[in-house]
Amino acid sequence: AFGNQLIPSTMPLKKATVFLNPAACKGKAVNLFEKNAAPILHLSGLDVTVVKTDYEGQAKKLLELMENTDLIIIAGGDGTVQEVVTGLLRRADEAVFSKIPIGFIPLGKTCTLSHTLYPESTNQVQHITNATLAILKGETVPLDVLQIKGEKEQPVFAMSGLRWGSYRDAGVKISKYWYLGPLKTKAAHFFSTLKEWPQKHQAALMYLGPTERPPEEPEEKAPRPPLYVRLYRRLRLYWSPPPKEVPQEVAPEDWEELELSTIELSIATRNRQLDLMRTEDFMDICIEADAVSKGQFVNRGSQKMRDPHLCPDGSRCIRASRCILQLPEGTEGAFGIDNEDYEAMPVEVKLLPRKLRFFCDPRMREQLLRAAVQ
C-alpha cells in the first residue's frame, strides 16, 4: 500500500537517518534490518540514509556531526538508544534537534522501550515490522529522559534508568556460567553470595520532590500579525514602556537528605508505566532493604533479570525530580545505565520530563489514553 502511493513532484522527500548497530543481536542486526525493516522504509518514499556504527561510542560522535534530518531511526538495542540519545542531547543546538521525532526498531538483546511503544509479540519478524510501520504512521508519545552527570565527565542520558548494587553485579556475570544452561542465572547469584555476605552498599542521597507538570505546548505557532499591527505595538512600547518588574524572591529548594545502606539502588523513569495525563513529573528511586537472606537473593535475582527495575516489598520508594548520590571515597564497582556499564562515582541525576518524542504504534497510544481516562 505504501509503495503504490504516488508522491507529488512538488512535495519534498522526508529525510530519515538510520543509526544501525551491526553488533546487536549477536551480529544478526544487519540481516534482520535489511530483510524486514529496510524494504518498508524505502517503499514509503522516505529518503533513507543508513549509518552503521563500527565501534562502541561512535554513535555519540556521529550525532555531533549530523546535519538536518526529518526523522532519526535507531536500529539496535538499549545500548544503541542510549548512545544516540546521549549524542543528540550533548549537541550545542539540542533544543532544536530534540524536537526531531525518533523511531526505534528493536534489534538488540535488551529493548526496554519496545514494551512501551509496540504491542508484545513473540515473533521477532512481526515485532520489527510493527515497529517500522509505526514509524511511518506518524503517531508519537513524549518520553522522559534522565540526565546523569559526574563531577568531571560529560553528562550521559538514559531512557530507562540507573542501577547500582548486588543484583546488577551478579547479572553481568551470568554469561560466564553459560555451560549450566537454564541454571546459569541462579548460579551467578549463588556464587555472588559466597564471595561476600551480607552485601551492603553505603551512600548519601539528597533529593527534590516531584514537580508540577506544565500544560502541553501548542503544536502550531500563531500566525504572524500584519505589519501595521507590529508597528503599532512597537510605537506603543516606545511611548509608554511597561513598568519595571520587581524581581521576585526565589524560594530555596527543599532538599531532603538521607544516609542509606542497601543491597541495590535504582533510579528509573516512568517510561515503562507511561501515563499521558499525569499532573506531576518525577522519577522513581527504589532503595532496597539490605537485610536479605541468601535464598531470597538468589530467587529475587531471577525476577530482576525479567524486570530490572522491580521494587520488591520492604523497599523504600521515593518520587523525585532531581537527586544527588554521594558515594564513600574508594567505592568500587559500576553503575548500569540503560544496561551499559559505567564506573561508579558521585552523580547528579536530573529528570528531563517529556524531552523526546518517540514514534509508537497507534494501538498502544490509544490504550495509554484509555487507561489514563479510566
Foldseek 3Di string as FASTA:
>chain_A
DLLPDDDDPPDDAAEEEEEFECPFPNRCQVVLCVVFQVVVCVSNRHNYDYDYDDDQLVLLVVLQVDDDGQEYEYRHALSSVQSNVQSLCVHPVSVVSQARAYAYQYRHPHHLLLLQFAPDDPDNSVSRNLRNVLVSVPDKDFAKKKWKDFPPDHTGIFRWWKKDADLLVLVVCLVVVVVVPPCSLLVSLLVSCVVDPLTKFKWKKKFAAWDFDDDDDDPDDDDDDDPVVVVVVVVVCVVDPDDDDDDDDDDDGDIDMDIDIARMKMWTACSNVDARPDGIGWIKIKGHHSPDDSVRRSVVSVVCVVPVPDRDPPIDIGTGQKMWIAGDPPDFDFMQGSNDTDTDHTIIMGMDGSSHMYRHRPVSVVVNNVVNVD
